[in-house]
N, C-alpha and C. Protein backbone atom coordinates (compact mmCIF):
# COMPACT_ATOMS: atom_id res chain seq x y z
N MET A 1 -34.14 -21.34 -2.91
CA MET A 1 -32.71 -21.34 -3.09
C MET A 1 -32.28 -22.40 -4.09
N THR A 2 -32.97 -23.52 -4.13
CA THR A 2 -32.59 -24.59 -5.02
C THR A 2 -33.19 -24.35 -6.39
N GLU A 3 -32.34 -24.46 -7.45
CA GLU A 3 -32.82 -24.28 -8.81
C GLU A 3 -33.32 -25.61 -9.35
N PRO A 4 -34.21 -25.57 -10.36
CA PRO A 4 -34.65 -26.81 -10.98
C PRO A 4 -33.44 -27.55 -11.57
N VAL A 5 -33.50 -28.87 -11.58
CA VAL A 5 -32.36 -29.68 -12.00
C VAL A 5 -31.90 -29.32 -13.41
N GLU A 6 -32.85 -29.16 -14.35
CA GLU A 6 -32.44 -28.86 -15.71
C GLU A 6 -31.74 -27.51 -15.80
N ASP A 7 -32.19 -26.49 -15.04
CA ASP A 7 -31.52 -25.20 -15.02
C ASP A 7 -30.15 -25.30 -14.39
N ARG A 8 -30.04 -26.07 -13.33
CA ARG A 8 -28.76 -26.24 -12.65
C ARG A 8 -27.76 -26.92 -13.58
N ASP A 9 -28.22 -27.96 -14.31
CA ASP A 9 -27.33 -28.66 -15.24
C ASP A 9 -26.83 -27.71 -16.31
N HIS A 10 -27.74 -26.91 -16.87
CA HIS A 10 -27.34 -25.93 -17.88
C HIS A 10 -26.36 -24.92 -17.29
N GLY A 11 -26.66 -24.46 -16.08
CA GLY A 11 -25.78 -23.52 -15.40
C GLY A 11 -24.42 -24.12 -15.10
N ASP A 12 -24.41 -25.39 -14.72
CA ASP A 12 -23.14 -26.07 -14.45
C ASP A 12 -22.29 -26.15 -15.71
N ASP A 13 -22.93 -26.42 -16.86
CA ASP A 13 -22.19 -26.47 -18.13
C ASP A 13 -21.58 -25.11 -18.45
N GLU A 14 -22.38 -24.06 -18.26
CA GLU A 14 -21.86 -22.70 -18.48
C GLU A 14 -20.70 -22.41 -17.54
N GLU A 15 -20.88 -22.76 -16.27
CA GLU A 15 -19.82 -22.52 -15.30
C GLU A 15 -18.54 -23.25 -15.66
N ARG A 16 -18.67 -24.50 -16.06
CA ARG A 16 -17.48 -25.27 -16.46
C ARG A 16 -16.78 -24.58 -17.63
N ALA A 17 -17.55 -24.07 -18.57
CA ALA A 17 -16.96 -23.38 -19.72
C ALA A 17 -16.24 -22.11 -19.27
N TRP A 18 -16.89 -21.32 -18.39
CA TRP A 18 -16.26 -20.09 -17.90
C TRP A 18 -14.98 -20.40 -17.12
N ILE A 19 -15.05 -21.42 -16.30
CA ILE A 19 -13.88 -21.80 -15.49
C ILE A 19 -12.75 -22.26 -16.40
N ALA A 20 -13.07 -23.07 -17.40
CA ALA A 20 -12.04 -23.55 -18.33
C ALA A 20 -11.39 -22.37 -19.06
N ARG A 21 -12.20 -21.40 -19.47
CA ARG A 21 -11.65 -20.21 -20.15
C ARG A 21 -10.76 -19.41 -19.21
N CYS A 22 -11.17 -19.28 -17.94
CA CYS A 22 -10.35 -18.57 -16.96
C CYS A 22 -9.00 -19.26 -16.78
N LEU A 23 -9.06 -20.57 -16.63
CA LEU A 23 -7.84 -21.34 -16.42
C LEU A 23 -6.93 -21.30 -17.64
N ALA A 24 -7.51 -21.05 -18.81
CA ALA A 24 -6.73 -20.94 -20.04
C ALA A 24 -6.19 -19.52 -20.24
N GLY A 25 -6.49 -18.62 -19.29
CA GLY A 25 -5.94 -17.27 -19.35
C GLY A 25 -6.91 -16.17 -19.70
N ASP A 26 -8.18 -16.48 -19.94
CA ASP A 26 -9.18 -15.47 -20.26
C ASP A 26 -9.77 -14.93 -18.96
N ARG A 27 -9.16 -13.86 -18.46
CA ARG A 27 -9.57 -13.30 -17.17
C ARG A 27 -11.01 -12.78 -17.20
N ALA A 28 -11.46 -12.31 -18.34
CA ALA A 28 -12.82 -11.77 -18.47
C ALA A 28 -13.89 -12.85 -18.28
N ALA A 29 -13.53 -14.10 -18.43
CA ALA A 29 -14.50 -15.20 -18.27
C ALA A 29 -14.92 -15.38 -16.82
N PHE A 30 -14.22 -14.73 -15.90
CA PHE A 30 -14.60 -14.82 -14.49
C PHE A 30 -15.78 -13.89 -14.17
N ARG A 31 -15.95 -12.84 -14.97
CA ARG A 31 -17.00 -11.85 -14.72
C ARG A 31 -18.39 -12.48 -14.63
N PRO A 32 -18.80 -13.41 -15.53
CA PRO A 32 -20.13 -14.00 -15.39
C PRO A 32 -20.32 -14.78 -14.08
N LEU A 33 -19.24 -15.35 -13.57
CA LEU A 33 -19.34 -16.06 -12.29
C LEU A 33 -19.59 -15.07 -11.15
N VAL A 34 -18.92 -13.94 -11.22
CA VAL A 34 -19.14 -12.89 -10.21
C VAL A 34 -20.58 -12.40 -10.30
N THR A 35 -21.03 -12.14 -11.52
CA THR A 35 -22.40 -11.66 -11.71
C THR A 35 -23.42 -12.66 -11.18
N ARG A 36 -23.21 -13.92 -11.48
CA ARG A 36 -24.15 -14.96 -11.06
C ARG A 36 -24.21 -15.12 -9.54
N TYR A 37 -23.07 -14.99 -8.86
CA TYR A 37 -23.02 -15.32 -7.43
C TYR A 37 -22.81 -14.13 -6.50
N ALA A 38 -22.79 -12.93 -7.01
CA ALA A 38 -22.56 -11.76 -6.15
C ALA A 38 -23.62 -11.64 -5.06
N ARG A 39 -24.87 -11.81 -5.42
CA ARG A 39 -25.95 -11.68 -4.44
C ARG A 39 -25.84 -12.77 -3.36
N MET A 40 -25.55 -14.00 -3.76
CA MET A 40 -25.42 -15.10 -2.80
C MET A 40 -24.27 -14.84 -1.82
N VAL A 41 -23.12 -14.43 -2.37
CA VAL A 41 -21.95 -14.17 -1.52
C VAL A 41 -22.24 -13.03 -0.56
N HIS A 42 -22.81 -11.94 -1.07
CA HIS A 42 -23.17 -10.82 -0.19
C HIS A 42 -24.16 -11.26 0.89
N GLY A 43 -25.12 -12.09 0.51
CA GLY A 43 -26.13 -12.56 1.46
C GLY A 43 -25.53 -13.38 2.59
N VAL A 44 -24.63 -14.28 2.25
CA VAL A 44 -23.98 -15.10 3.27
C VAL A 44 -23.16 -14.21 4.20
N ILE A 45 -22.35 -13.36 3.62
CA ILE A 45 -21.46 -12.51 4.42
C ILE A 45 -22.26 -11.53 5.27
N ALA A 46 -23.32 -10.96 4.71
CA ALA A 46 -24.13 -9.97 5.45
C ALA A 46 -24.76 -10.56 6.69
N ARG A 47 -24.96 -11.87 6.71
CA ARG A 47 -25.57 -12.50 7.86
C ARG A 47 -24.55 -13.00 8.87
N LEU A 48 -23.27 -12.90 8.52
CA LEU A 48 -22.22 -13.39 9.41
C LEU A 48 -21.27 -12.30 9.89
N ALA A 49 -21.27 -11.17 9.23
CA ALA A 49 -20.28 -10.12 9.53
C ALA A 49 -20.97 -8.77 9.65
N PRO A 50 -20.30 -7.83 10.31
CA PRO A 50 -20.86 -6.47 10.39
C PRO A 50 -21.04 -5.86 9.00
N GLU A 51 -22.08 -5.07 8.86
CA GLU A 51 -22.44 -4.48 7.57
C GLU A 51 -21.28 -3.73 6.92
N ALA A 52 -20.46 -3.06 7.73
CA ALA A 52 -19.35 -2.28 7.20
C ALA A 52 -18.31 -3.15 6.48
N ASP A 53 -18.28 -4.43 6.78
CA ASP A 53 -17.28 -5.32 6.19
C ASP A 53 -17.77 -6.11 4.99
N VAL A 54 -19.05 -6.08 4.70
CA VAL A 54 -19.63 -6.98 3.70
C VAL A 54 -19.01 -6.82 2.33
N ASP A 55 -18.97 -5.59 1.81
CA ASP A 55 -18.45 -5.39 0.45
C ASP A 55 -16.99 -5.81 0.35
N ASP A 56 -16.20 -5.45 1.35
CA ASP A 56 -14.79 -5.80 1.33
C ASP A 56 -14.60 -7.32 1.38
N LEU A 57 -15.35 -7.99 2.25
CA LEU A 57 -15.22 -9.45 2.36
C LEU A 57 -15.73 -10.15 1.10
N ALA A 58 -16.75 -9.60 0.47
CA ALA A 58 -17.23 -10.18 -0.79
C ALA A 58 -16.17 -10.04 -1.87
N GLN A 59 -15.55 -8.88 -1.93
CA GLN A 59 -14.48 -8.67 -2.91
C GLN A 59 -13.31 -9.62 -2.64
N GLN A 60 -12.95 -9.78 -1.37
CA GLN A 60 -11.89 -10.72 -1.02
C GLN A 60 -12.25 -12.15 -1.41
N THR A 61 -13.52 -12.50 -1.25
CA THR A 61 -14.00 -13.84 -1.62
C THR A 61 -13.80 -14.10 -3.10
N PHE A 62 -14.24 -13.17 -3.93
CA PHE A 62 -14.11 -13.36 -5.37
C PHE A 62 -12.65 -13.32 -5.82
N LEU A 63 -11.86 -12.47 -5.19
CA LEU A 63 -10.44 -12.42 -5.52
C LEU A 63 -9.76 -13.76 -5.19
N ALA A 64 -10.06 -14.29 -4.00
CA ALA A 64 -9.49 -15.58 -3.61
C ALA A 64 -9.96 -16.69 -4.54
N ALA A 65 -11.22 -16.65 -4.93
CA ALA A 65 -11.74 -17.68 -5.85
C ALA A 65 -11.02 -17.59 -7.18
N PHE A 66 -10.82 -16.39 -7.67
CA PHE A 66 -10.11 -16.22 -8.95
C PHE A 66 -8.67 -16.71 -8.84
N GLU A 67 -8.00 -16.32 -7.77
CA GLU A 67 -6.58 -16.68 -7.60
C GLU A 67 -6.39 -18.19 -7.40
N HIS A 68 -7.40 -18.86 -6.86
CA HIS A 68 -7.28 -20.29 -6.55
C HIS A 68 -8.23 -21.15 -7.38
N LEU A 69 -8.65 -20.61 -8.51
CA LEU A 69 -9.60 -21.32 -9.36
C LEU A 69 -9.08 -22.69 -9.78
N ASP A 70 -7.77 -22.82 -9.90
CA ASP A 70 -7.19 -24.11 -10.28
C ASP A 70 -7.38 -25.16 -9.19
N GLN A 71 -7.74 -24.74 -7.98
CA GLN A 71 -7.95 -25.67 -6.88
C GLN A 71 -9.41 -26.14 -6.78
N TYR A 72 -10.29 -25.53 -7.58
CA TYR A 72 -11.70 -25.94 -7.56
C TYR A 72 -11.83 -27.33 -8.17
N ARG A 73 -12.50 -28.19 -7.46
CA ARG A 73 -12.77 -29.55 -7.94
C ARG A 73 -14.26 -29.69 -8.16
N GLU A 74 -14.63 -30.25 -9.25
CA GLU A 74 -16.04 -30.35 -9.62
C GLU A 74 -16.80 -31.37 -8.80
N ALA A 75 -16.18 -31.91 -7.75
CA ALA A 75 -16.90 -32.83 -6.86
C ALA A 75 -18.03 -32.11 -6.14
N SER A 76 -17.92 -30.79 -6.00
CA SER A 76 -18.98 -29.99 -5.39
C SER A 76 -19.38 -28.90 -6.37
N ARG A 77 -20.55 -28.31 -6.13
CA ARG A 77 -20.99 -27.20 -6.97
C ARG A 77 -20.05 -26.01 -6.76
N PHE A 78 -19.91 -25.19 -7.80
CA PHE A 78 -19.07 -24.01 -7.70
C PHE A 78 -19.60 -23.09 -6.61
N SER A 79 -20.93 -22.98 -6.50
CA SER A 79 -21.53 -22.10 -5.48
C SER A 79 -21.16 -22.57 -4.07
N THR A 80 -21.07 -23.88 -3.87
CA THR A 80 -20.68 -24.41 -2.56
C THR A 80 -19.23 -24.05 -2.25
N TRP A 81 -18.37 -24.21 -3.24
CA TRP A 81 -16.95 -23.87 -3.08
C TRP A 81 -16.80 -22.37 -2.78
N LEU A 82 -17.54 -21.55 -3.50
CA LEU A 82 -17.49 -20.11 -3.31
C LEU A 82 -18.01 -19.72 -1.93
N CYS A 83 -19.07 -20.37 -1.49
CA CYS A 83 -19.64 -20.11 -0.17
C CYS A 83 -18.63 -20.48 0.92
N GLN A 84 -17.91 -21.56 0.72
CA GLN A 84 -16.88 -21.97 1.68
C GLN A 84 -15.79 -20.90 1.79
N ILE A 85 -15.40 -20.33 0.67
CA ILE A 85 -14.41 -19.26 0.69
C ILE A 85 -14.96 -18.06 1.45
N ALA A 86 -16.23 -17.70 1.20
CA ALA A 86 -16.84 -16.56 1.89
C ALA A 86 -16.86 -16.77 3.40
N VAL A 87 -17.26 -17.95 3.83
CA VAL A 87 -17.28 -18.25 5.28
C VAL A 87 -15.87 -18.16 5.85
N ASN A 88 -14.89 -18.67 5.13
CA ASN A 88 -13.50 -18.58 5.61
C ASN A 88 -13.02 -17.14 5.69
N LYS A 89 -13.42 -16.30 4.76
CA LYS A 89 -13.04 -14.88 4.81
C LYS A 89 -13.66 -14.21 6.04
N VAL A 90 -14.92 -14.55 6.34
CA VAL A 90 -15.56 -14.00 7.54
C VAL A 90 -14.82 -14.48 8.79
N ARG A 91 -14.47 -15.76 8.82
CA ARG A 91 -13.72 -16.29 9.96
C ARG A 91 -12.39 -15.56 10.13
N ASP A 92 -11.69 -15.34 9.02
CA ASP A 92 -10.42 -14.61 9.08
C ASP A 92 -10.62 -13.21 9.66
N GLU A 93 -11.69 -12.55 9.24
CA GLU A 93 -11.98 -11.21 9.73
C GLU A 93 -12.33 -11.23 11.21
N HIS A 94 -13.08 -12.24 11.66
CA HIS A 94 -13.40 -12.35 13.09
C HIS A 94 -12.12 -12.54 13.91
N ARG A 95 -11.22 -13.37 13.41
CA ARG A 95 -9.94 -13.57 14.13
C ARG A 95 -9.15 -12.27 14.18
N ALA A 96 -9.10 -11.56 13.07
CA ALA A 96 -8.37 -10.29 13.03
C ALA A 96 -9.02 -9.27 13.95
N ALA A 97 -10.35 -9.25 14.00
CA ALA A 97 -11.07 -8.29 14.85
C ALA A 97 -10.80 -8.56 16.33
N ARG A 98 -10.63 -9.82 16.70
CA ARG A 98 -10.32 -10.13 18.11
C ARG A 98 -8.96 -9.59 18.50
N ARG A 99 -8.07 -9.48 17.53
CA ARG A 99 -6.74 -8.93 17.82
C ARG A 99 -6.77 -7.41 17.91
N ARG A 100 -7.83 -6.79 17.41
CA ARG A 100 -7.98 -5.33 17.46
C ARG A 100 -9.37 -4.93 17.93
N PRO A 101 -9.79 -5.38 19.11
CA PRO A 101 -11.17 -5.15 19.56
C PRO A 101 -11.54 -3.69 19.73
N GLU A 102 -10.57 -2.82 19.91
CA GLU A 102 -10.91 -1.42 20.12
C GLU A 102 -11.39 -0.75 18.83
N LEU A 103 -11.20 -1.38 17.68
CA LEU A 103 -11.57 -0.76 16.43
C LEU A 103 -13.01 -1.02 15.99
N ARG A 104 -13.68 -2.01 16.60
CA ARG A 104 -15.03 -2.32 16.16
C ARG A 104 -15.78 -3.17 17.15
N GLY A 105 -17.09 -3.20 16.99
CA GLY A 105 -17.93 -4.04 17.82
C GLY A 105 -18.58 -5.12 16.98
N ASP A 106 -19.29 -6.01 17.64
CA ASP A 106 -19.96 -7.10 16.94
C ASP A 106 -21.47 -6.93 16.93
N ASP A 107 -21.94 -5.68 17.05
CA ASP A 107 -23.37 -5.52 17.24
C ASP A 107 -24.11 -4.97 16.03
N ASP A 108 -23.50 -4.95 14.85
CA ASP A 108 -24.22 -4.39 13.72
C ASP A 108 -24.39 -5.40 12.59
N TYR A 109 -24.86 -6.58 12.91
CA TYR A 109 -25.13 -7.59 11.90
C TYR A 109 -26.38 -7.20 11.13
N ASP A 110 -26.36 -7.45 9.84
CA ASP A 110 -27.45 -7.07 8.96
C ASP A 110 -28.26 -8.31 8.62
N MET A 111 -29.50 -8.37 9.12
CA MET A 111 -30.36 -9.52 8.85
C MET A 111 -31.63 -9.03 8.16
N ARG A 112 -31.49 -8.22 7.12
CA ARG A 112 -32.64 -7.65 6.44
C ARG A 112 -33.45 -8.72 5.73
N TYR A 113 -34.74 -8.47 5.66
CA TYR A 113 -35.63 -9.30 4.88
C TYR A 113 -36.14 -8.41 3.76
N GLU A 114 -35.94 -8.80 2.51
CA GLU A 114 -36.30 -7.93 1.40
C GLU A 114 -37.20 -8.60 0.38
N GLU A 115 -38.11 -9.47 0.80
CA GLU A 115 -38.96 -10.14 -0.15
C GLU A 115 -40.02 -9.21 -0.72
N GLY A 116 -40.57 -8.33 0.05
CA GLY A 116 -41.62 -7.42 -0.41
C GLY A 116 -41.97 -6.44 0.68
N PRO A 117 -42.83 -5.48 0.37
CA PRO A 117 -43.18 -4.44 1.35
C PRO A 117 -43.75 -5.00 2.65
N GLU A 118 -44.64 -5.99 2.55
CA GLU A 118 -45.21 -6.55 3.78
C GLU A 118 -44.15 -7.28 4.59
N ASP A 119 -43.33 -8.06 3.89
CA ASP A 119 -42.26 -8.79 4.58
C ASP A 119 -41.27 -7.83 5.23
N GLN A 120 -41.00 -6.72 4.54
CA GLN A 120 -40.08 -5.74 5.13
C GLN A 120 -40.65 -5.16 6.41
N ALA A 121 -41.92 -4.79 6.36
CA ALA A 121 -42.55 -4.19 7.54
C ALA A 121 -42.61 -5.19 8.70
N LEU A 122 -43.05 -6.40 8.40
CA LEU A 122 -43.18 -7.41 9.45
C LEU A 122 -41.82 -7.95 9.90
N GLY A 123 -40.90 -8.01 8.98
CA GLY A 123 -39.62 -8.65 9.28
C GLY A 123 -38.58 -7.76 9.92
N ARG A 124 -38.77 -6.46 9.85
CA ARG A 124 -37.75 -5.55 10.37
C ARG A 124 -37.49 -5.77 11.86
N GLU A 125 -38.56 -5.77 12.65
CA GLU A 125 -38.40 -5.98 14.09
C GLU A 125 -37.88 -7.39 14.38
N HIS A 126 -38.45 -8.37 13.71
CA HIS A 126 -37.98 -9.75 13.88
C HIS A 126 -36.51 -9.87 13.47
N GLY A 127 -36.15 -9.22 12.36
CA GLY A 127 -34.77 -9.28 11.88
C GLY A 127 -33.79 -8.68 12.87
N LEU A 128 -34.16 -7.56 13.47
CA LEU A 128 -33.30 -6.93 14.46
C LEU A 128 -33.13 -7.81 15.70
N ARG A 129 -34.23 -8.40 16.12
CA ARG A 129 -34.19 -9.29 17.29
C ARG A 129 -33.35 -10.54 16.99
N LEU A 130 -33.54 -11.09 15.81
CA LEU A 130 -32.78 -12.27 15.41
C LEU A 130 -31.30 -11.93 15.25
N ALA A 131 -31.00 -10.79 14.66
CA ALA A 131 -29.61 -10.38 14.49
C ALA A 131 -28.93 -10.22 15.86
N ALA A 132 -29.64 -9.62 16.80
CA ALA A 132 -29.07 -9.45 18.14
C ALA A 132 -28.85 -10.81 18.80
N ALA A 133 -29.78 -11.73 18.62
CA ALA A 133 -29.63 -13.06 19.21
C ALA A 133 -28.49 -13.82 18.54
N LEU A 134 -28.40 -13.74 17.22
CA LEU A 134 -27.30 -14.41 16.52
C LEU A 134 -25.94 -13.85 16.93
N ALA A 135 -25.89 -12.54 17.17
CA ALA A 135 -24.64 -11.92 17.59
C ALA A 135 -24.16 -12.44 18.94
N GLN A 136 -25.07 -12.95 19.75
CA GLN A 136 -24.70 -13.51 21.05
C GLN A 136 -24.14 -14.92 20.94
N LEU A 137 -24.38 -15.56 19.80
CA LEU A 137 -23.86 -16.91 19.58
C LEU A 137 -22.41 -16.85 19.14
N GLY A 138 -21.74 -17.95 19.26
CA GLY A 138 -20.39 -18.05 18.74
C GLY A 138 -20.42 -18.04 17.22
N ALA A 139 -19.28 -17.73 16.60
CA ALA A 139 -19.20 -17.63 15.15
C ALA A 139 -19.58 -18.95 14.49
N GLY A 140 -19.17 -20.07 15.05
CA GLY A 140 -19.49 -21.37 14.47
C GLY A 140 -20.99 -21.64 14.43
N ASP A 141 -21.68 -21.30 15.52
CA ASP A 141 -23.13 -21.46 15.56
C ASP A 141 -23.81 -20.54 14.55
N ARG A 142 -23.34 -19.29 14.47
CA ARG A 142 -23.91 -18.33 13.50
C ARG A 142 -23.76 -18.85 12.08
N GLU A 143 -22.56 -19.30 11.74
CA GLU A 143 -22.31 -19.80 10.39
C GLU A 143 -23.26 -20.93 10.05
N LEU A 144 -23.35 -21.88 10.95
CA LEU A 144 -24.18 -23.05 10.71
C LEU A 144 -25.64 -22.67 10.54
N LEU A 145 -26.16 -21.85 11.43
CA LEU A 145 -27.58 -21.46 11.37
C LEU A 145 -27.88 -20.64 10.12
N VAL A 146 -27.00 -19.75 9.76
CA VAL A 146 -27.22 -18.94 8.55
C VAL A 146 -27.21 -19.82 7.31
N LEU A 147 -26.22 -20.70 7.20
CA LEU A 147 -26.15 -21.56 6.01
C LEU A 147 -27.36 -22.48 5.91
N LYS A 148 -27.74 -23.09 7.01
CA LYS A 148 -28.82 -24.08 6.98
C LYS A 148 -30.20 -23.43 6.90
N TYR A 149 -30.46 -22.45 7.72
CA TYR A 149 -31.82 -21.95 7.86
C TYR A 149 -32.10 -20.63 7.15
N VAL A 150 -31.08 -19.83 6.92
CA VAL A 150 -31.30 -18.58 6.18
C VAL A 150 -31.02 -18.80 4.70
N MET A 151 -29.87 -19.42 4.39
CA MET A 151 -29.52 -19.68 3.00
C MET A 151 -30.18 -20.96 2.48
N GLU A 152 -30.77 -21.73 3.38
CA GLU A 152 -31.52 -22.94 3.06
C GLU A 152 -30.69 -23.99 2.33
N GLU A 153 -29.45 -24.14 2.74
CA GLU A 153 -28.59 -25.18 2.19
C GLU A 153 -28.90 -26.51 2.87
N GLY A 154 -28.69 -27.60 2.18
CA GLY A 154 -28.85 -28.93 2.77
C GLY A 154 -27.68 -29.23 3.69
N PHE A 155 -27.87 -30.23 4.57
CA PHE A 155 -26.81 -30.56 5.51
C PHE A 155 -25.55 -31.03 4.81
N GLU A 156 -25.67 -31.68 3.65
CA GLU A 156 -24.47 -32.11 2.93
C GLU A 156 -23.63 -30.90 2.52
N THR A 157 -24.29 -29.88 2.01
CA THR A 157 -23.60 -28.66 1.58
C THR A 157 -23.04 -27.91 2.79
N VAL A 158 -23.82 -27.80 3.85
CA VAL A 158 -23.37 -27.13 5.07
C VAL A 158 -22.12 -27.83 5.61
N ALA A 159 -22.17 -29.15 5.67
CA ALA A 159 -21.02 -29.91 6.17
C ALA A 159 -19.78 -29.67 5.31
N GLU A 160 -19.97 -29.64 4.01
CA GLU A 160 -18.85 -29.41 3.11
C GLU A 160 -18.26 -28.02 3.30
N ILE A 161 -19.12 -27.02 3.39
CA ILE A 161 -18.66 -25.64 3.56
C ILE A 161 -17.92 -25.48 4.88
N LEU A 162 -18.43 -26.09 5.95
CA LEU A 162 -17.84 -25.93 7.27
C LEU A 162 -16.73 -26.94 7.56
N GLY A 163 -16.52 -27.86 6.65
CA GLY A 163 -15.43 -28.83 6.82
C GLY A 163 -15.70 -29.84 7.92
N THR A 164 -16.91 -30.36 7.97
CA THR A 164 -17.27 -31.32 9.00
C THR A 164 -18.11 -32.42 8.36
N SER A 165 -18.49 -33.40 9.14
CA SER A 165 -19.34 -34.47 8.62
C SER A 165 -20.81 -34.03 8.67
N VAL A 166 -21.64 -34.71 7.89
CA VAL A 166 -23.07 -34.41 7.89
C VAL A 166 -23.66 -34.65 9.27
N GLY A 167 -23.28 -35.75 9.90
CA GLY A 167 -23.79 -36.06 11.24
C GLY A 167 -23.40 -34.98 12.25
N ALA A 168 -22.15 -34.54 12.19
CA ALA A 168 -21.70 -33.48 13.10
C ALA A 168 -22.44 -32.18 12.84
N ALA A 169 -22.70 -31.87 11.56
CA ALA A 169 -23.44 -30.65 11.23
C ALA A 169 -24.86 -30.71 11.79
N LYS A 170 -25.49 -31.87 11.72
CA LYS A 170 -26.85 -32.01 12.25
C LYS A 170 -26.87 -31.84 13.76
N VAL A 171 -25.90 -32.43 14.45
CA VAL A 171 -25.83 -32.30 15.91
C VAL A 171 -25.55 -30.85 16.28
N ARG A 172 -24.59 -30.23 15.59
CA ARG A 172 -24.27 -28.83 15.88
C ARG A 172 -25.47 -27.93 15.63
N ALA A 173 -26.24 -28.22 14.56
CA ALA A 173 -27.43 -27.41 14.26
C ALA A 173 -28.46 -27.53 15.37
N LEU A 174 -28.66 -28.73 15.85
CA LEU A 174 -29.61 -28.95 16.93
C LEU A 174 -29.20 -28.15 18.17
N ARG A 175 -27.94 -28.22 18.51
CA ARG A 175 -27.44 -27.49 19.69
C ARG A 175 -27.48 -25.98 19.48
N ALA A 176 -27.11 -25.54 18.29
CA ALA A 176 -27.11 -24.10 18.00
C ALA A 176 -28.53 -23.55 18.02
N ARG A 177 -29.49 -24.31 17.46
CA ARG A 177 -30.88 -23.87 17.51
C ARG A 177 -31.38 -23.76 18.95
N GLU A 178 -30.98 -24.70 19.79
CA GLU A 178 -31.38 -24.65 21.20
C GLU A 178 -30.79 -23.43 21.89
N ARG A 179 -29.50 -23.15 21.61
CA ARG A 179 -28.88 -21.95 22.20
C ARG A 179 -29.60 -20.68 21.71
N LEU A 180 -29.92 -20.63 20.43
CA LEU A 180 -30.63 -19.48 19.88
C LEU A 180 -32.02 -19.35 20.50
N ARG A 181 -32.70 -20.47 20.66
CA ARG A 181 -34.03 -20.46 21.28
C ARG A 181 -33.95 -19.90 22.71
N ARG A 182 -32.92 -20.30 23.47
CA ARG A 182 -32.76 -19.78 24.84
C ARG A 182 -32.54 -18.28 24.85
N ILE A 183 -31.72 -17.81 23.90
CA ILE A 183 -31.45 -16.37 23.83
C ILE A 183 -32.73 -15.62 23.49
N LEU A 184 -33.47 -16.11 22.49
CA LEU A 184 -34.69 -15.43 22.07
C LEU A 184 -35.78 -15.45 23.14
N SER A 185 -35.73 -16.46 24.01
CA SER A 185 -36.73 -16.53 25.08
C SER A 185 -36.28 -15.78 26.32
N GLY A 186 -35.13 -15.11 26.24
CA GLY A 186 -34.66 -14.30 27.35
C GLY A 186 -33.68 -15.00 28.26
N GLY A 187 -33.25 -16.19 27.91
CA GLY A 187 -32.33 -16.95 28.76
C GLY A 187 -30.87 -16.56 28.60
N GLY A 188 -30.53 -15.74 27.59
CA GLY A 188 -29.15 -15.33 27.40
C GLY A 188 -28.34 -16.39 26.69
N ALA A 189 -27.10 -16.02 26.35
CA ALA A 189 -26.20 -16.91 25.62
C ALA A 189 -25.61 -17.93 26.59
N TYR A 190 -25.55 -19.15 26.13
CA TYR A 190 -24.94 -20.23 26.91
C TYR A 190 -23.77 -20.80 26.13
N GLY A 191 -22.64 -20.79 26.73
CA GLY A 191 -21.49 -21.41 26.12
C GLY A 191 -21.08 -20.79 24.81
N ARG A 192 -21.03 -19.47 24.71
CA ARG A 192 -20.61 -18.81 23.47
C ARG A 192 -19.22 -19.28 23.13
N ARG A 193 -19.10 -19.72 21.86
CA ARG A 193 -17.80 -20.17 21.38
C ARG A 193 -17.53 -19.51 20.05
N ASP A 194 -16.39 -18.84 19.94
CA ASP A 194 -15.97 -18.22 18.67
C ASP A 194 -14.85 -18.99 18.07
């Protein structure tokens, strides 16, 4: 997940140029940002929301990023800021879904593994089991575990995306992993919090 420093620096320069052009009124300059981060945004959302909502939530994420691009501060990477928007869109959808529970369930999370044919074959059953276990956790635990262990973000980035301190993110991760471990070992969900 982490790019080499020299590639990241070059990418950051490109991103700054695209963002500056967007802010100056060149709407087409946003397209390379979408192209660069579409897979990442879809990946985050696919692990936190039902499959039927992924494309819509990804589109909402990019629309919100475009509309609020003037609020982006270079204190964090653009990808971190974008990921934070994606997580917030998923949270908004979870809140909306609780107000209309008769319209959908929470049991179709997509945790596909697509590295290669062997990984697909071996990972399919594990992915389904993990998706079912994650679905039993509260949304906050799911977000944290997906960002840290699936998307392989560092605790600093996870804390920034979730709006918490690094220490709190580490403690929450420890507790969320323990809850997930209990579920996977057949102990069921403990203290589900959404």
